N, C-alpha and C. Protein backbone atom coordinates (compact mmCIF):
# COMPACT_ATOMS: atom_id res chain seq x y z
N MET A 1 44.05 47.90 -111.95
CA MET A 1 45.39 48.02 -112.43
C MET A 1 45.87 46.63 -112.83
N GLY A 2 46.52 46.53 -113.97
CA GLY A 2 47.05 45.25 -114.44
C GLY A 2 48.07 44.68 -113.47
N ARG A 3 48.11 43.38 -113.40
CA ARG A 3 49.02 42.71 -112.46
C ARG A 3 50.48 43.12 -112.64
N SER A 4 50.90 43.36 -113.85
CA SER A 4 52.31 43.72 -114.08
C SER A 4 52.66 45.09 -113.52
N PHE A 5 51.65 45.89 -113.18
CA PHE A 5 51.91 47.22 -112.62
C PHE A 5 51.71 47.29 -111.12
N ARG A 6 51.29 46.21 -110.53
CA ARG A 6 51.02 46.22 -109.08
C ARG A 6 52.31 46.22 -108.28
N SER A 7 52.22 46.71 -107.05
CA SER A 7 53.35 46.75 -106.11
C SER A 7 54.48 47.65 -106.57
N ARG A 8 54.16 48.65 -107.35
CA ARG A 8 55.16 49.63 -107.79
C ARG A 8 54.93 50.99 -107.17
N GLY A 9 53.87 51.13 -106.37
CA GLY A 9 53.60 52.40 -105.73
C GLY A 9 52.78 53.36 -106.58
N ILE A 10 52.28 52.89 -107.72
CA ILE A 10 51.54 53.76 -108.63
C ILE A 10 50.23 54.23 -107.99
N ALA A 11 49.46 53.32 -107.43
CA ALA A 11 48.19 53.69 -106.80
C ALA A 11 48.43 54.60 -105.61
N HIS A 12 49.47 54.32 -104.84
CA HIS A 12 49.80 55.17 -103.68
C HIS A 12 50.11 56.59 -104.15
N ALA A 13 50.91 56.71 -105.21
CA ALA A 13 51.26 58.04 -105.74
C ALA A 13 50.03 58.75 -106.28
N ALA A 14 49.17 58.01 -106.98
CA ALA A 14 47.95 58.62 -107.54
C ALA A 14 47.03 59.11 -106.43
N LEU A 15 46.86 58.31 -105.40
CA LEU A 15 46.01 58.72 -104.28
C LEU A 15 46.61 59.93 -103.57
N ALA A 16 47.92 59.96 -103.40
CA ALA A 16 48.58 61.11 -102.77
C ALA A 16 48.31 62.38 -103.58
N LEU A 17 48.35 62.29 -104.89
CA LEU A 17 48.06 63.45 -105.74
C LEU A 17 46.62 63.91 -105.58
N VAL A 18 45.69 62.96 -105.53
CA VAL A 18 44.28 63.30 -105.34
C VAL A 18 44.08 64.00 -104.01
N LEU A 19 44.68 63.46 -102.96
CA LEU A 19 44.52 64.07 -101.63
C LEU A 19 45.16 65.44 -101.57
N ASP A 20 46.32 65.61 -102.19
CA ASP A 20 46.97 66.93 -102.23
C ASP A 20 46.10 67.94 -102.96
N GLU A 21 45.53 67.53 -104.09
CA GLU A 21 44.68 68.43 -104.86
C GLU A 21 43.42 68.78 -104.07
N ALA A 22 42.87 67.81 -103.37
CA ALA A 22 41.68 68.08 -102.55
C ALA A 22 41.99 69.10 -101.46
N ARG A 23 43.16 68.96 -100.83
CA ARG A 23 43.57 69.94 -99.81
C ARG A 23 43.70 71.33 -100.42
N ARG A 24 44.36 71.42 -101.59
CA ARG A 24 44.53 72.71 -102.25
C ARG A 24 43.19 73.33 -102.62
N ALA A 25 42.22 72.49 -102.91
CA ALA A 25 40.89 72.98 -103.27
C ALA A 25 40.07 73.36 -102.05
N GLY A 26 40.63 73.14 -100.86
CA GLY A 26 39.94 73.52 -99.63
C GLY A 26 38.94 72.49 -99.13
N LEU A 27 39.01 71.28 -99.65
CA LEU A 27 38.10 70.23 -99.18
C LEU A 27 38.53 69.74 -97.80
N HIS A 28 37.60 69.19 -97.08
CA HIS A 28 37.88 68.72 -95.73
C HIS A 28 37.88 67.20 -95.61
N ARG A 29 37.37 66.54 -96.66
CA ARG A 29 37.39 65.07 -96.65
C ARG A 29 37.26 64.56 -98.08
N VAL A 30 37.73 63.35 -98.27
CA VAL A 30 37.60 62.63 -99.54
C VAL A 30 36.96 61.30 -99.22
N THR A 31 35.98 60.92 -100.02
CA THR A 31 35.32 59.63 -99.82
C THR A 31 35.56 58.73 -101.01
N ALA A 32 35.52 57.44 -100.75
CA ALA A 32 35.68 56.43 -101.80
C ALA A 32 34.85 55.22 -101.42
N ARG A 33 34.57 54.42 -102.42
CA ARG A 33 33.86 53.17 -102.18
C ARG A 33 34.54 52.09 -103.02
N THR A 34 34.73 50.93 -102.44
CA THR A 34 35.34 49.81 -103.15
C THR A 34 34.62 48.53 -102.77
N LEU A 35 34.87 47.49 -103.50
CA LEU A 35 34.30 46.19 -103.15
C LEU A 35 34.99 45.65 -101.91
N ALA A 36 34.24 44.99 -101.07
CA ALA A 36 34.79 44.46 -99.82
C ALA A 36 35.95 43.50 -100.08
N GLY A 37 35.90 42.78 -101.18
CA GLY A 37 36.96 41.82 -101.50
C GLY A 37 38.20 42.43 -102.12
N ASN A 38 38.20 43.72 -102.39
CA ASN A 38 39.35 44.37 -103.00
C ASN A 38 40.34 44.76 -101.90
N LEU A 39 41.11 43.78 -101.47
CA LEU A 39 42.02 43.99 -100.34
C LEU A 39 43.10 45.02 -100.64
N GLY A 40 43.55 45.09 -101.89
CA GLY A 40 44.56 46.08 -102.25
C GLY A 40 44.05 47.50 -102.06
N ALA A 41 42.84 47.76 -102.54
CA ALA A 41 42.26 49.10 -102.39
C ALA A 41 42.00 49.41 -100.92
N ARG A 42 41.52 48.43 -100.19
CA ARG A 42 41.26 48.65 -98.76
C ARG A 42 42.56 48.98 -98.02
N HIS A 43 43.62 48.26 -98.32
CA HIS A 43 44.91 48.51 -97.68
C HIS A 43 45.42 49.90 -98.05
N LEU A 44 45.32 50.25 -99.33
CA LEU A 44 45.77 51.58 -99.79
C LEU A 44 45.02 52.69 -99.07
N LEU A 45 43.71 52.57 -99.01
CA LEU A 45 42.90 53.60 -98.36
C LEU A 45 43.19 53.69 -96.86
N ALA A 46 43.33 52.54 -96.21
CA ALA A 46 43.65 52.54 -94.77
C ALA A 46 45.01 53.16 -94.52
N ALA A 47 45.98 52.88 -95.39
CA ALA A 47 47.32 53.45 -95.24
C ALA A 47 47.30 54.96 -95.40
N ALA A 48 46.31 55.48 -96.14
CA ALA A 48 46.17 56.92 -96.32
C ALA A 48 45.41 57.56 -95.17
N GLY A 49 45.01 56.75 -94.19
CA GLY A 49 44.31 57.28 -93.03
C GLY A 49 42.80 57.20 -93.11
N ALA A 50 42.29 56.49 -94.09
CA ALA A 50 40.83 56.38 -94.25
C ALA A 50 40.22 55.55 -93.14
N VAL A 51 39.02 55.96 -92.74
CA VAL A 51 38.19 55.15 -91.86
C VAL A 51 37.31 54.32 -92.79
N LEU A 52 37.40 53.01 -92.65
CA LEU A 52 36.66 52.09 -93.52
C LEU A 52 35.42 51.58 -92.80
N THR A 53 34.30 51.65 -93.49
CA THR A 53 33.03 51.19 -92.94
C THR A 53 32.40 50.21 -93.91
N PRO A 54 32.13 48.98 -93.47
CA PRO A 54 31.51 48.01 -94.37
C PRO A 54 30.08 48.44 -94.72
N GLY A 55 29.73 48.27 -95.98
CA GLY A 55 28.36 48.52 -96.40
C GLY A 55 27.57 47.23 -96.35
N ASP A 56 26.28 47.32 -96.53
CA ASP A 56 25.45 46.12 -96.52
C ASP A 56 25.27 45.54 -97.92
N ASP A 57 26.00 46.10 -98.89
CA ASP A 57 25.88 45.67 -100.27
C ASP A 57 27.17 45.08 -100.83
N GLY A 58 28.08 44.64 -99.95
CA GLY A 58 29.34 44.06 -100.39
C GLY A 58 30.41 45.08 -100.72
N THR A 59 30.19 46.31 -100.28
CA THR A 59 31.18 47.36 -100.52
C THR A 59 31.75 47.85 -99.19
N VAL A 60 32.77 48.66 -99.30
CA VAL A 60 33.37 49.32 -98.14
C VAL A 60 33.44 50.81 -98.48
N HIS A 61 32.97 51.63 -97.57
CA HIS A 61 32.99 53.09 -97.72
C HIS A 61 34.21 53.60 -96.96
N ALA A 62 34.98 54.47 -97.60
CA ALA A 62 36.18 55.02 -96.98
C ALA A 62 36.07 56.53 -96.90
N VAL A 63 36.51 57.09 -95.78
CA VAL A 63 36.54 58.54 -95.60
C VAL A 63 37.92 58.93 -95.10
N VAL A 64 38.57 59.83 -95.83
CA VAL A 64 39.86 60.39 -95.42
C VAL A 64 39.61 61.83 -95.03
N LEU A 65 39.86 62.16 -93.77
CA LEU A 65 39.75 63.54 -93.32
C LEU A 65 41.04 64.26 -93.66
N LEU A 66 40.89 65.46 -94.20
CA LEU A 66 42.07 66.22 -94.65
C LEU A 66 42.44 67.29 -93.66
């Protein structure tokens, strides 16, 4: 996301929509992967209740149970 759009809640709203749609579809979890250095994405995912697990390849795996 471009810097001028950060800190406006856009990513939070988008993730909330994805999680809502996953629930409606009957899914039980949503997974994501991001770079370990992407602190914004890590914070967003953790705030959504994701369990973050560091990978051995410089990534972080996130799981949100629905």
